[in-house]
Every structure is written in structure tokens, then in C-alpha cells.
Amino acid sequence: MPLMPEMLWLPNPEPGTPICLGFDGSENDDWTAIQAETIDGFSFTPRYGPDSRPTVWNPAEENGSIPRDQVHVAVDELFQRYKVERFYCDPHDWYSEIGEWSVKYGDNHVFEWPTNKVSRMYPEIKRFEIDLAQKRLRHDGCPIATTHAANAKKLGKFNQQYVLGKPANHQKIDAVMAKILAYTAAADARESGWDGIETDNRMFVFR
């Protein structure tokens, strides 16, 4: 699932930019990633902290487990830096943290969005692919997200649907999964009238 040809890794948007976020988390095997998209369709890997690290965590580089404290730091920095409209989170292994984010940042901004239901995930993958092909979506050239997108393999499901999976355990796809969640959050927000100024205060429950 290639994003685009390899390109310069562009800087993050300016503080105060209206964005949506997507989160795909793990415990100690797969990676954990946060991705973002602006109101005009610019998809990017946020950077955080004093050394501007990307919001992608490889447990192999973190003593075998995801540094949850750093994920919390990154989320807090992103909510302070940007106008976050929606944050779609795959809750697997992260239910408590997502609950805390919902309380802290508002349940009109933070939503559980499980990725394990084919009937819900397939249309979003397909829409993401089409918008990439039609150039409605552009990205920052992040090499991590580009590699994860290239790794992603389509796994066939019933009714001519498919989901994304890893060709092998070492070929991770978590950043592109988070990117699709950020894309879905932004698409849903636009359909609900997101204009970058007012926030949508309605509550949504995904089952």
C-alpha cells in the first residue's frame, strides 16, 4: 500500500493548526503510533518533546515495551499545540489510557475506534486508497509511515472485502493504521461541518 514516492520529510504544521489524530497502540510486540491530518488533507507524523521525536514507538528500542509515559506526554503536547477536533483510537491494550484522555480532553474529541471489525474497517481503507490515488490526500514524506504503508498486505475477507496485515512479524504496519484512523477522523469531522473554528460537541459511540 504505497503512499507516494519517497520525498523530503516536511516539517509539522504551525501551532494552532486544526487537526484530527489517529492512534494505534500495542504493548510489547507491534509498534505504537500517532498520526495526524489537517482540515485540508495534509497527513503527517507529529513530532514532540525537546528533540522533536516522531510519535512512533518501537518496543525493541524501548527495553522491550512501549513507554506509555512518553505516549501520554506526546498526546498532551499535541492537544496543547494544535486544535484537535477528533482523536480516533484503536483501544486494544489501551482502554484505560484512552479513558483518561477522554476525561482530560473531552469525550467530544476522543473516541474509541476499534479496527478489528471488517465491515467497518474495509470501507475506510478503500476510501483512503481512493483519495490517495485522486490526490485528495497528501503526506509529509515521513520515512517510517512510508515503510509501514509499503509493508501493508491486503488480506482477503468475505464479501470481497479485505483488511491490512503484516507480511511477516518484523514488517510493521502500525503507522499506516494510525494514519487511516486520522484520515477517518478528519473525513468524519468534515462531514459534520468541521471548519477549523467551531468544534463539534456531539457525542459519537462506535460499536
C-alpha atoms as a PDB file:
ATOM      1  CA  MET A   1       0.000   0.000   0.000  1.00  0.00           C
ATOM      2  CA  PRO A   2       2.441   2.713  -1.121  1.00  0.00           C
ATOM      3  CA  LEU A   3       1.684   6.265  -0.012  1.00  0.00           C
ATOM      4  CA  MET A   4       3.766   8.218  -2.501  1.00  0.00           C
ATOM      5  CA  PRO A   5       7.275   8.111  -3.952  1.00  0.00           C
ATOM      6  CA  GLU A   6       9.983   8.812  -1.392  1.00  0.00           C
ATOM      7  CA  MET A   7      10.234  12.531  -0.716  1.00  0.00           C
ATOM      8  CA  LEU A   8      11.654  15.117   1.652  1.00  0.00           C
ATOM      9  CA  TRP A   9      10.293  14.774   5.202  1.00  0.00           C
ATOM     10  CA  LEU A  10       8.377  18.021   5.568  1.00  0.00           C
ATOM     11  CA  PRO A  11       8.054  19.871   8.889  1.00  0.00           C
ATOM     12  CA  ASN A  12       4.917  19.688  11.019  1.00  0.00           C
ATOM     13  CA  PRO A  13       2.226  22.360  10.537  1.00  0.00           C
ATOM     14  CA  GLU A  14       2.325  25.524  12.613  1.00  0.00           C
ATOM     15  CA  PRO A  15       0.963  25.559  16.189  1.00  0.00           C
ATOM     16  CA  GLY A  16      -2.741  26.308  16.318  1.00  0.00           C
ATOM     17  CA  THR A  17      -3.485  24.360  13.127  1.00  0.00           C
ATOM     18  CA  PRO A  18      -6.804  22.458  13.270  1.00  0.00           C
ATOM     19  CA  ILE A  19      -6.109  18.717  13.037  1.00  0.00           C
ATOM     20  CA  CYS A  20      -7.511  15.266  13.702  1.00  0.00           C
ATOM     21  CA  LEU A  21      -5.470  12.435  15.204  1.00  0.00           C
ATOM     22  CA  GLY A  22      -5.337   8.653  14.911  1.00  0.00           C
ATOM     23  CA  PHE A  23      -3.796   6.224  17.406  1.00  0.00           C
ATOM     24  CA  ASP A  24      -2.768   2.576  17.004  1.00  0.00           C
ATOM     25  CA  GLY A  25      -1.250   1.118  20.163  1.00  0.00           C
ATOM     26  CA  SER A  26       0.430  -2.067  21.330  1.00  0.00           C
ATOM     27  CA  GLU A  27       2.107  -3.437  24.428  1.00  0.00           C
ATOM     28  CA  ASN A  28       5.418  -5.085  23.594  1.00  0.00           C
ATOM     29  CA  ASP A  29       5.458  -6.519  20.061  1.00  0.00           C
ATOM     30  CA  ASP A  30       3.935  -4.228  17.459  1.00  0.00           C
ATOM     31  CA  TRP A  31       4.776  -0.544  17.368  1.00  0.00           C
ATOM     32  CA  THR A  32       2.619   2.280  18.704  1.00  0.00           C
ATOM     33  CA  ALA A  33       1.908   5.299  16.528  1.00  0.00           C
ATOM     34  CA  ILE A  34       0.045   8.598  16.438  1.00  0.00           C
ATOM     35  CA  GLN A  35      -0.694  10.188  13.071  1.00  0.00           C
ATOM     36  CA  ALA A  36      -2.429  13.446  12.187  1.00  0.00           C
ATOM     37  CA  GLU A  37      -4.321  15.126   9.363  1.00  0.00           C
ATOM     38  CA  THR A  38      -5.158  18.782   8.800  1.00  0.00           C
ATOM     39  CA  ILE A  39      -8.523  20.110   7.688  1.00  0.00           C
ATOM     40  CA  ASP A  40      -7.229  20.440   4.111  1.00  0.00           C
ATOM     41  CA  GLY A  41      -5.946  16.851   3.860  1.00  0.00           C
ATOM     42  CA  PHE A  42      -2.260  17.068   4.842  1.00  0.00           C
ATOM     43  CA  SER A  43      -1.327  13.814   6.605  1.00  0.00           C
ATOM     44  CA  PHE A  44       1.725  13.897   8.857  1.00  0.00           C
ATOM     45  CA  THR A  45       3.655  12.205  11.643  1.00  0.00           C
ATOM     46  CA  PRO A  46       3.641  14.591  14.612  1.00  0.00           C
ATOM     47  CA  ARG A  47       6.880  15.256  16.458  1.00  0.00           C
ATOM     48  CA  TYR A  48       7.110  16.005  20.142  1.00  0.00           C
ATOM     49  CA  GLY A  49       9.445  16.716  23.030  1.00  0.00           C
ATOM     50  CA  PRO A  50      12.664  18.712  23.268  1.00  0.00           C
ATOM     51  CA  ASP A  51      14.330  16.726  20.482  1.00  0.00           C
ATOM     52  CA  SER A  52      11.268  16.620  18.187  1.00  0.00           C
ATOM     53  CA  ARG A  53      10.953  12.843  18.104  1.00  0.00           C
ATOM     54  CA  PRO A  54       8.310  11.279  15.851  1.00  0.00           C
ATOM     55  CA  THR A  55       5.222   9.921  17.604  1.00  0.00           C
ATOM     56  CA  VAL A  56       6.097   6.342  16.662  1.00  0.00           C
ATOM     57  CA  TRP A  57       7.470   3.974  19.282  1.00  0.00           C
ATOM     58  CA  ASN A  58       9.346   0.748  18.566  1.00  0.00           C
ATOM     59  CA  PRO A  59       9.375  -1.508  21.664  1.00  0.00           C
ATOM     60  CA  ALA A  60      12.673  -3.040  20.553  1.00  0.00           C
ATOM     61  CA  GLU A  61      14.244   0.389  21.106  1.00  0.00           C
ATOM     62  CA  GLU A  62      12.462   0.899  24.443  1.00  0.00           C
ATOM     63  CA  ASN A  63      13.648  -2.033  26.597  1.00  0.00           C
ATOM     64  CA  GLY A  64      11.006  -4.328  25.142  1.00  0.00           C
ATOM     65  CA  SER A  65       7.832  -2.381  25.925  1.00  0.00           C
ATOM     66  CA  ILE A  66       6.093   0.774  24.797  1.00  0.00           C
ATOM     67  CA  PRO A  67       6.941   3.795  27.037  1.00  0.00           C
ATOM     68  CA  ARG A  68       3.385   4.708  27.969  1.00  0.00           C
ATOM     69  CA  ASP A  69       4.529   7.783  29.850  1.00  0.00           C
ATOM     70  CA  GLN A  70       6.031   9.156  26.644  1.00  0.00           C
ATOM     71  CA  VAL A  71       2.822   8.452  24.740  1.00  0.00           C
ATOM     72  CA  HIS A  72       0.948  10.481  27.382  1.00  0.00           C
ATOM     73  CA  VAL A  73       3.483  13.303  27.033  1.00  0.00           C
ATOM     74  CA  ALA A  74       3.068  13.296  23.260  1.00  0.00           C
ATOM     75  CA  VAL A  75      -0.738  13.314  23.400  1.00  0.00           C
ATOM     76  CA  ASP A  76      -0.734  16.182  25.893  1.00  0.00           C
ATOM     77  CA  GLU A  77       1.690  18.197  23.765  1.00  0.00           C
ATOM     78  CA  LEU A  78      -0.412  17.672  20.628  1.00  0.00           C
ATOM     79  CA  PHE A  79      -3.618  18.800  22.349  1.00  0.00           C
ATOM     80  CA  GLN A  80      -1.819  21.887  23.632  1.00  0.00           C
ATOM     81  CA  ARG A  81      -0.122  22.720  20.330  1.00  0.00           C
ATOM     82  CA  TYR A  82      -2.969  22.131  17.902  1.00  0.00           C
ATOM     83  CA  LYS A  83      -6.751  22.491  17.732  1.00  0.00           C
ATOM     84  CA  VAL A  84      -7.585  18.796  17.903  1.00  0.00           C
ATOM     85  CA  GLU A  85     -11.102  18.178  16.598  1.00  0.00           C
ATOM     86  CA  ARG A  86     -11.220  14.379  16.819  1.00  0.00           C
ATOM     87  CA  PHE A  87      -8.846  11.697  18.089  1.00  0.00           C
ATOM     88  CA  TYR A  88      -9.768   8.164  16.916  1.00  0.00           C
ATOM     89  CA  CYS A  89      -8.068   5.452  18.976  1.00  0.00           C
ATOM     90  CA  ASP A  90      -7.900   1.694  18.491  1.00  0.00           C
ATOM     91  CA  PRO A  91      -8.496   0.652  22.114  1.00  0.00           C
ATOM     92  CA  HIS A  92      -6.716  -2.726  22.092  1.00  0.00           C
ATOM     93  CA  ASP A  93      -4.339  -2.802  25.123  1.00  0.00           C
ATOM     94  CA  TRP A  94      -5.009   0.909  25.768  1.00  0.00           C
ATOM     95  CA  TYR A  95      -8.557   1.103  27.175  1.00  0.00           C
ATOM     96  CA  SER A  96      -7.516   2.819  30.423  1.00  0.00           C
ATOM     97  CA  GLU A  97      -5.328   5.408  28.735  1.00  0.00           C
ATOM     98  CA  ILE A  98      -7.986   6.269  26.180  1.00  0.00           C
ATOM     99  CA  GLY A  99     -10.487   6.660  29.002  1.00  0.00           C
ATOM    100  CA  GLU A 100      -8.112   9.064  30.723  1.00  0.00           C
ATOM    101  CA  TRP A 101      -7.665  11.066  27.503  1.00  0.00           C
ATOM    102  CA  SER A 102     -11.433  11.226  27.090  1.00  0.00           C
ATOM    103  CA  VAL A 103     -11.837  12.661  30.592  1.00  0.00           C
ATOM    104  CA  LYS A 104      -8.928  15.091  30.188  1.00  0.00           C
ATOM    105  CA  TYR A 105      -9.579  16.368  26.663  1.00  0.00           C
ATOM    106  CA  GLY A 106     -13.321  15.759  26.346  1.00  0.00           C
ATOM    107  CA  ASP A 107     -15.400  12.854  25.107  1.00  0.00           C
ATOM    108  CA  ASN A 108     -16.473  15.073  22.220  1.00  0.00           C
ATOM    109  CA  HIS A 109     -12.858  14.881  20.976  1.00  0.00           C
ATOM    110  CA  VAL A 110     -11.562  11.428  21.986  1.00  0.00           C
ATOM    111  CA  PHE A 111     -13.253   8.301  20.614  1.00  0.00           C
ATOM    112  CA  GLU A 112     -12.635   4.572  20.727  1.00  0.00           C
ATOM    113  CA  TRP A 113     -12.476   3.297  17.143  1.00  0.00           C
ATOM    114  CA  PRO A 114     -11.755  -0.469  17.091  1.00  0.00           C
ATOM    115  CA  THR A 115     -10.083  -1.633  13.896  1.00  0.00           C
ATOM    116  CA  ASN A 116     -10.940  -5.322  14.272  1.00  0.00           C
ATOM    117  CA  LYS A 117     -14.361  -5.276  12.553  1.00  0.00           C
ATOM    118  CA  VAL A 118     -14.010  -5.894   8.819  1.00  0.00           C
ATOM    119  CA  SER A 119     -17.349  -4.303   7.882  1.00  0.00           C
ATOM    120  CA  ARG A 120     -16.227  -1.010   9.446  1.00  0.00           C
ATOM    121  CA  MET A 121     -12.525  -1.048   8.549  1.00  0.00           C
ATOM    122  CA  TYR A 122     -12.728  -2.110   4.902  1.00  0.00           C
ATOM    123  CA  PRO A 123     -14.679   0.963   3.673  1.00  0.00           C
ATOM    124  CA  GLU A 124     -12.188   3.290   5.398  1.00  0.00           C
ATOM    125  CA  ILE A 125      -9.184   1.515   3.861  1.00  0.00           C
ATOM    126  CA  LYS A 126     -10.840   1.682   0.450  1.00  0.00           C
ATOM    127  CA  ARG A 127     -11.744   5.364   0.817  1.00  0.00           C
ATOM    128  CA  PHE A 128      -8.173   6.122   1.968  1.00  0.00           C
ATOM    129  CA  GLU A 129      -6.735   4.368  -1.102  1.00  0.00           C
ATOM    130  CA  ILE A 130      -9.049   6.190  -3.499  1.00  0.00           C
ATOM    131  CA  ASP A 131      -8.332   9.609  -2.006  1.00  0.00           C
ATOM    132  CA  LEU A 132      -4.593   8.937  -2.200  1.00  0.00           C
ATOM    133  CA  ALA A 133      -4.915   7.955  -5.851  1.00  0.00           C
ATOM    134  CA  GLN A 134      -7.013  11.060  -6.581  1.00  0.00           C
ATOM    135  CA  LYS A 135      -4.511  13.272  -4.710  1.00  0.00           C
ATOM    136  CA  ARG A 136      -7.142  14.496  -2.259  1.00  0.00           C
ATOM    137  CA  LEU A 137      -4.700  13.455   0.458  1.00  0.00           C
ATOM    138  CA  ARG A 138      -1.018  14.379   0.666  1.00  0.00           C
ATOM    139  CA  HIS A 139       1.583  13.404   3.219  1.00  0.00           C
ATOM    140  CA  ASP A 140       4.736  14.749   4.781  1.00  0.00           C
ATOM    141  CA  GLY A 141       7.151  12.105   3.471  1.00  0.00           C
ATOM    142  CA  CYS A 142       7.744  10.515   6.888  1.00  0.00           C
ATOM    143  CA  PRO A 143      10.006   7.520   6.134  1.00  0.00           C
ATOM    144  CA  ILE A 144       8.519   5.471   8.991  1.00  0.00           C
ATOM    145  CA  ALA A 145       4.941   5.832   7.772  1.00  0.00           C
ATOM    146  CA  THR A 146       6.075   5.263   4.174  1.00  0.00           C
ATOM    147  CA  THR A 147       7.801   2.000   5.170  1.00  0.00           C
ATOM    148  CA  HIS A 148       4.776   0.818   7.154  1.00  0.00           C
ATOM    149  CA  ALA A 149       2.498   1.587   4.203  1.00  0.00           C
ATOM    150  CA  ALA A 150       4.787  -0.361   1.881  1.00  0.00           C
ATOM    151  CA  ASN A 151       4.744  -3.303   4.319  1.00  0.00           C
ATOM    152  CA  ALA A 152       0.944  -3.463   4.472  1.00  0.00           C
ATOM    153  CA  LYS A 153      -0.520  -6.543   2.802  1.00  0.00           C
ATOM    154  CA  LYS A 154      -4.168  -6.888   1.776  1.00  0.00           C
ATOM    155  CA  LEU A 155      -5.763  -9.902   3.450  1.00  0.00           C
ATOM    156  CA  GLY A 156      -8.933 -11.086   1.749  1.00  0.00           C
ATOM    157  CA  LYS A 157     -12.154 -11.430   3.744  1.00  0.00           C
ATOM    158  CA  PHE A 158     -15.709 -12.463   2.937  1.00  0.00           C
ATOM    159  CA  ASN A 159     -17.860 -10.438   0.511  1.00  0.00           C
ATOM    160  CA  GLN A 160     -14.817  -9.324  -1.494  1.00  0.00           C
ATOM    161  CA  GLN A 161     -13.570  -7.204   1.390  1.00  0.00           C
ATOM    162  CA  TYR A 162     -10.073  -7.013   2.805  1.00  0.00           C
ATOM    163  CA  VAL A 163      -8.098  -5.664   5.741  1.00  0.00           C
ATOM    164  CA  LEU A 164      -4.422  -4.809   6.144  1.00  0.00           C
ATOM    165  CA  GLY A 165      -1.931  -7.186   7.713  1.00  0.00           C
ATOM    166  CA  LYS A 166       1.803  -7.782   8.087  1.00  0.00           C
ATOM    167  CA  PRO A 167       3.629  -9.972   5.542  1.00  0.00           C
ATOM    168  CA  ALA A 168       5.913 -11.044   8.404  1.00  0.00           C
ATOM    169  CA  ASN A 169       6.094 -10.168  12.089  1.00  0.00           C
ATOM    170  CA  HIS A 170       9.074  -7.845  11.618  1.00  0.00           C
ATOM    171  CA  GLN A 171       7.330  -5.871   8.854  1.00  0.00           C
ATOM    172  CA  LYS A 172       5.229  -3.471  10.918  1.00  0.00           C
ATOM    173  CA  ILE A 173       2.202  -1.517   9.672  1.00  0.00           C
ATOM    174  CA  ASP A 174       1.117   0.375  12.804  1.00  0.00           C
ATOM    175  CA  ALA A 175       1.916   3.860  11.491  1.00  0.00           C
ATOM    176  CA  VAL A 176      -0.271   3.399   8.414  1.00  0.00           C
ATOM    177  CA  MET A 177      -3.099   2.023  10.575  1.00  0.00           C
ATOM    178  CA  ALA A 178      -2.886   5.159  12.723  1.00  0.00           C
ATOM    179  CA  LYS A 179      -2.788   7.236   9.537  1.00  0.00           C
ATOM    180  CA  ILE A 180      -6.033   5.646   8.321  1.00  0.00           C
ATOM    181  CA  LEU A 181      -7.645   6.395  11.693  1.00  0.00           C
ATOM    182  CA  ALA A 182      -6.556  10.052  11.486  1.00  0.00           C
ATOM    183  CA  TYR A 183      -7.871  10.162   7.929  1.00  0.00           C
ATOM    184  CA  THR A 184     -11.215   8.669   9.015  1.00  0.00           C
ATOM    185  CA  ALA A 185     -11.465  11.129  11.914  1.00  0.00           C
ATOM    186  CA  ALA A 186     -10.821  14.061   9.564  1.00  0.00           C
ATOM    187  CA  ALA A 187     -13.290  12.783   6.955  1.00  0.00           C
ATOM    188  CA  ASP A 188     -15.997  12.298   9.587  1.00  0.00           C
ATOM    189  CA  ALA A 189     -15.287  15.734  11.063  1.00  0.00           C
ATOM    190  CA  ARG A 190     -15.577  17.431   7.658  1.00  0.00           C
ATOM    191  CA  GLU A 191     -18.880  15.670   7.003  1.00  0.00           C
ATOM    192  CA  SER A 192     -20.105  17.036  10.351  1.00  0.00           C
ATOM    193  CA  GLY A 193     -19.229  20.613   9.399  1.00  0.00           C
ATOM    194  CA  TRP A 194     -15.659  20.952  10.713  1.00  0.00           C
ATOM    195  CA  ASP A 195     -14.448  24.384   9.688  1.00  0.00           C
ATOM    196  CA  GLY A 196     -11.381  24.685  11.879  1.00  0.00           C
ATOM    197  CA  ILE A 197     -13.001  27.288  14.126  1.00  0.00           C
ATOM    198  CA  GLU A 198     -16.003  25.807  15.871  1.00  0.00           C
ATOM    199  CA  THR A 199     -15.753  22.368  17.461  1.00  0.00           C
ATOM    200  CA  ASP A 200     -18.336  19.636  17.106  1.00  0.00           C
ATOM    201  CA  ASN A 201     -19.758  18.943  20.554  1.00  0.00           C
ATOM    202  CA  ARG A 202     -21.893  15.968  19.641  1.00  0.00           C
ATOM    203  CA  MET A 203     -21.095  12.561  21.137  1.00  0.00           C
ATOM    204  CA  PHE A 204     -20.455   9.529  18.943  1.00  0.00           C
ATOM    205  CA  VAL A 205     -20.382   5.899  20.056  1.00  0.00           C
ATOM    206  CA  PHE A 206     -18.849   3.245  17.780  1.00  0.00           C
ATOM    207  CA  ARG A 207     -19.852  -0.382  18.350  1.00  0.00           C
END
